[in-house]
N, C-alpha and C. Protein backbone atom coordinates (compact mmCIF):
# COMPACT_ATOMS: atom_id res chain seq x y z
N UNK A 1 78.78 37.28 92.72
CA UNK A 1 80.17 37.66 92.55
C UNK A 1 80.28 39.05 91.91
N UNK A 2 79.40 39.30 90.98
CA UNK A 2 79.43 40.60 90.31
C UNK A 2 79.03 41.71 91.28
N UNK A 3 78.09 41.43 92.19
CA UNK A 3 77.67 42.42 93.18
C UNK A 3 78.81 42.73 94.14
N UNK A 4 79.58 41.72 94.49
CA UNK A 4 80.71 41.93 95.38
C UNK A 4 81.75 42.84 94.74
N UNK A 5 82.00 42.65 93.47
CA UNK A 5 82.95 43.49 92.74
C UNK A 5 82.46 44.93 92.68
N UNK A 6 81.18 45.14 92.39
CA UNK A 6 80.61 46.48 92.32
C UNK A 6 80.66 47.14 93.70
N UNK A 7 80.31 46.37 94.73
CA UNK A 7 80.35 46.91 96.09
C UNK A 7 81.77 47.31 96.48
N UNK A 8 82.76 46.51 96.13
CA UNK A 8 84.14 46.84 96.48
C UNK A 8 84.62 48.07 95.72
N UNK A 9 84.24 48.21 94.47
CA UNK A 9 84.62 49.41 93.71
C UNK A 9 83.98 50.67 94.29
N UNK A 10 82.73 50.57 94.64
CA UNK A 10 82.03 51.73 95.22
C UNK A 10 82.64 52.09 96.57
N UNK A 11 82.94 51.11 97.38
CA UNK A 11 83.54 51.40 98.69
C UNK A 11 84.93 52.00 98.55
N UNK A 12 85.71 51.53 97.59
CA UNK A 12 87.03 52.13 97.34
C UNK A 12 86.90 53.58 96.89
N UNK A 13 85.94 53.83 96.01
CA UNK A 13 85.70 55.19 95.53
C UNK A 13 85.31 56.11 96.69
N UNK A 14 84.45 55.64 97.57
CA UNK A 14 84.01 56.44 98.71
C UNK A 14 85.18 56.71 99.65
N UNK A 15 86.02 55.72 99.89
CA UNK A 15 87.17 55.92 100.77
C UNK A 15 88.16 56.92 100.19
N UNK A 16 88.40 56.84 98.89
CA UNK A 16 89.31 57.79 98.24
C UNK A 16 88.73 59.20 98.30
N UNK A 17 87.46 59.33 98.04
CA UNK A 17 86.81 60.62 98.11
C UNK A 17 86.86 61.19 99.52
N UNK A 18 86.61 60.37 100.50
CA UNK A 18 86.69 60.78 101.90
C UNK A 18 88.11 61.26 102.24
N UNK A 19 89.11 60.53 101.80
CA UNK A 19 90.50 60.90 102.05
C UNK A 19 90.83 62.24 101.41
N UNK A 20 90.43 62.44 100.18
CA UNK A 20 90.75 63.70 99.48
C UNK A 20 90.06 64.89 100.13
N UNK A 21 88.81 64.73 100.49
CA UNK A 21 88.07 65.86 101.07
C UNK A 21 88.67 66.25 102.41
N UNK A 22 88.90 65.31 103.28
CA UNK A 22 89.34 65.65 104.62
C UNK A 22 90.83 65.93 104.71
N UNK A 23 91.63 65.46 103.80
CA UNK A 23 93.05 65.78 103.87
C UNK A 23 93.32 67.20 103.38
N UNK A 24 92.57 67.66 102.38
CA UNK A 24 92.78 69.01 101.86
C UNK A 24 91.98 70.06 102.61
N UNK A 25 90.97 69.68 103.33
CA UNK A 25 90.17 70.66 104.06
C UNK A 25 90.95 71.22 105.25
N UNK A 26 91.87 70.48 105.80
CA UNK A 26 92.65 70.95 106.95
C UNK A 26 93.59 72.08 106.56
N UNK A 27 94.01 72.13 105.33
CA UNK A 27 94.90 73.20 104.87
C UNK A 27 94.19 74.54 104.94
N UNK A 28 93.00 74.60 104.41
CA UNK A 28 92.28 75.88 104.41
C UNK A 28 91.87 76.28 105.82
N UNK A 29 91.56 75.32 106.66
CA UNK A 29 91.19 75.63 108.04
C UNK A 29 92.38 76.23 108.77
N UNK A 30 93.57 75.72 108.52
CA UNK A 30 94.76 76.26 109.17
C UNK A 30 95.01 77.70 108.76
N UNK A 31 94.82 78.01 107.49
CA UNK A 31 95.01 79.37 107.03
C UNK A 31 93.98 80.31 107.65
N UNK A 32 92.75 79.86 107.74
CA UNK A 32 91.72 80.70 108.31
C UNK A 32 91.98 80.95 109.79
N UNK A 33 92.41 79.94 110.49
CA UNK A 33 92.60 80.12 111.92
C UNK A 33 93.77 81.04 112.21
N UNK A 34 94.82 81.02 111.41
CA UNK A 34 95.94 81.93 111.66
C UNK A 34 95.53 83.38 111.45
N UNK A 35 94.72 83.64 110.43
CA UNK A 35 94.23 85.00 110.20
C UNK A 35 93.25 85.39 111.29
N UNK A 36 92.40 84.47 111.69
CA UNK A 36 91.44 84.76 112.75
C UNK A 36 92.14 85.03 114.07
N UNK A 37 93.21 84.29 114.36
CA UNK A 37 93.97 84.54 115.58
C UNK A 37 94.60 85.93 115.54
N UNK A 38 95.11 86.30 114.39
CA UNK A 38 95.73 87.62 114.25
C UNK A 38 94.68 88.72 114.46
N UNK A 39 93.52 88.56 113.87
CA UNK A 39 92.48 89.57 114.00
C UNK A 39 91.95 89.62 115.43
N UNK A 40 91.84 88.46 116.09
CA UNK A 40 91.39 88.49 117.48
C UNK A 40 92.43 89.16 118.38
N UNK A 41 93.70 89.01 118.02
CA UNK A 41 94.76 89.72 118.75
C UNK A 41 94.60 91.24 118.55
N UNK A 42 94.24 91.64 117.34
CA UNK A 42 93.99 93.06 117.08
C UNK A 42 92.80 93.56 117.89
N UNK A 43 91.78 92.73 118.02
CA UNK A 43 90.60 93.12 118.80
C UNK A 43 90.95 93.30 120.27
N UNK A 44 91.82 92.43 120.80
CA UNK A 44 92.25 92.57 122.19
C UNK A 44 93.05 93.85 122.38
N UNK A 45 93.88 94.17 121.40
CA UNK A 45 94.64 95.43 121.47
C UNK A 45 93.70 96.63 121.41
N UNK A 46 92.63 96.50 120.62
CA UNK A 46 91.65 97.59 120.52
C UNK A 46 90.96 97.80 121.86
N UNK A 47 90.61 96.72 122.54
CA UNK A 47 89.97 96.84 123.85
C UNK A 47 90.91 97.50 124.86
N UNK A 48 92.19 97.15 124.80
CA UNK A 48 93.16 97.79 125.69
C UNK A 48 93.30 99.27 125.35
N UNK A 49 93.23 99.59 124.08
CA UNK A 49 93.32 100.98 123.65
C UNK A 49 92.12 101.77 124.16
N UNK A 50 90.94 101.15 124.14
CA UNK A 50 89.74 101.81 124.66
C UNK A 50 89.90 102.15 126.14
N UNK A 51 90.58 101.29 126.87
CA UNK A 51 90.78 101.53 128.31
C UNK A 51 91.77 102.67 128.57
N UNK A 52 92.71 102.87 127.63
CA UNK A 52 93.76 103.87 127.82
C UNK A 52 93.37 105.23 127.25
N UNK A 53 92.86 105.25 126.02
CA UNK A 53 92.57 106.50 125.31
C UNK A 53 91.12 106.91 125.45
N UNK A 54 90.90 108.20 125.50
CA UNK A 54 89.54 108.72 125.53
C UNK A 54 88.97 108.82 124.11
N UNK A 55 89.86 108.99 123.12
CA UNK A 55 89.42 109.14 121.73
C UNK A 55 89.30 107.75 121.09
N UNK A 56 88.09 107.32 120.85
CA UNK A 56 87.82 105.99 120.30
C UNK A 56 88.21 105.89 118.83
N UNK A 57 88.28 107.02 118.14
CA UNK A 57 88.63 107.00 116.72
C UNK A 57 90.05 106.52 116.50
N UNK A 58 90.96 106.91 117.39
CA UNK A 58 92.36 106.45 117.28
C UNK A 58 92.43 104.93 117.42
N UNK A 59 91.66 104.40 118.35
CA UNK A 59 91.65 102.95 118.57
C UNK A 59 91.09 102.23 117.34
N UNK A 60 90.06 102.80 116.74
CA UNK A 60 89.46 102.18 115.56
C UNK A 60 90.44 102.19 114.39
N UNK A 61 91.18 103.27 114.22
CA UNK A 61 92.17 103.35 113.15
C UNK A 61 93.28 102.33 113.37
N UNK A 62 93.73 102.19 114.61
CA UNK A 62 94.76 101.20 114.92
C UNK A 62 94.26 99.78 114.64
N UNK A 63 93.00 99.53 114.99
CA UNK A 63 92.43 98.21 114.73
C UNK A 63 92.35 97.93 113.23
N UNK A 64 91.91 98.91 112.46
CA UNK A 64 91.80 98.73 111.01
C UNK A 64 93.17 98.47 110.38
N UNK A 65 94.19 99.19 110.84
CA UNK A 65 95.54 98.97 110.33
C UNK A 65 96.06 97.58 110.69
N UNK A 66 95.78 97.16 111.92
CA UNK A 66 96.22 95.84 112.37
C UNK A 66 95.51 94.74 111.57
N UNK A 67 94.21 94.88 111.36
CA UNK A 67 93.45 93.89 110.60
C UNK A 67 93.91 93.85 109.14
N UNK A 68 94.23 95.00 108.59
CA UNK A 68 94.73 95.05 107.21
C UNK A 68 96.09 94.35 107.12
N UNK A 69 96.92 94.52 108.15
CA UNK A 69 98.22 93.85 108.15
C UNK A 69 98.04 92.33 108.24
N UNK A 70 97.08 91.89 109.02
CA UNK A 70 96.81 90.45 109.11
C UNK A 70 96.37 89.89 107.76
N UNK A 71 95.51 90.61 107.09
CA UNK A 71 95.01 90.14 105.80
C UNK A 71 96.09 90.20 104.73
N UNK A 72 96.98 91.18 104.79
CA UNK A 72 98.04 91.28 103.80
C UNK A 72 99.10 90.21 104.02
N UNK A 73 99.31 89.78 105.26
CA UNK A 73 100.25 88.68 105.51
C UNK A 73 99.70 87.38 104.98
N UNK A 74 98.38 87.21 104.97
CA UNK A 74 97.75 85.99 104.53
C UNK A 74 97.81 85.85 103.02
N UNK A 75 97.67 86.93 102.28
CA UNK A 75 97.57 86.90 100.82
C UNK A 75 98.80 86.33 100.12
N UNK A 76 100.02 86.77 100.39
CA UNK A 76 101.17 86.23 99.66
C UNK A 76 101.44 84.77 99.97
N UNK A 77 101.05 84.29 101.13
CA UNK A 77 101.36 82.91 101.49
C UNK A 77 100.52 81.92 100.70
N UNK A 78 99.38 82.33 100.19
CA UNK A 78 98.54 81.42 99.43
C UNK A 78 99.20 81.02 98.11
N UNK A 79 99.74 81.99 97.39
CA UNK A 79 100.23 81.72 96.06
C UNK A 79 101.65 81.24 95.98
N UNK A 80 102.46 81.51 96.95
CA UNK A 80 103.87 81.14 96.84
C UNK A 80 104.35 80.53 98.13
N UNK A 81 105.47 79.85 98.02
CA UNK A 81 106.09 79.27 99.20
C UNK A 81 106.82 80.34 99.98
N UNK A 82 106.92 80.12 101.27
CA UNK A 82 107.67 81.08 102.09
C UNK A 82 109.16 80.95 101.77
N UNK A 83 109.81 82.09 101.69
CA UNK A 83 111.25 82.05 101.49
C UNK A 83 111.94 82.18 102.83
N UNK A 84 113.07 81.53 102.95
CA UNK A 84 113.79 81.58 104.21
C UNK A 84 114.57 82.88 104.29
N UNK A 85 114.55 83.49 105.45
CA UNK A 85 115.28 84.74 105.65
C UNK A 85 116.70 84.41 106.11
N UNK A 86 117.70 85.14 105.59
CA UNK A 86 119.07 84.89 106.04
C UNK A 86 119.25 85.34 107.48
N UNK A 87 120.11 84.64 108.18
CA UNK A 87 120.33 84.95 109.60
C UNK A 87 121.38 86.00 109.77
């Protein structure tokens, strides 16, 4: 009887730990994927710029600015809630 009680407590602890780990891990994955999508969009724009412009430095500067904008949009959302914009 005592072993059954210990086994049930351990299994409950494992289930709670499993729930906490996997429920909160999705939040960080969502933030990473939104930034990664933004940066991949910048990379696609850079490739299009390479096809249009002969000067590769301009394309690199545009890519760096776009990537910096993606990273700056990500930073404020971590610490605070989004505010609604008036229509």
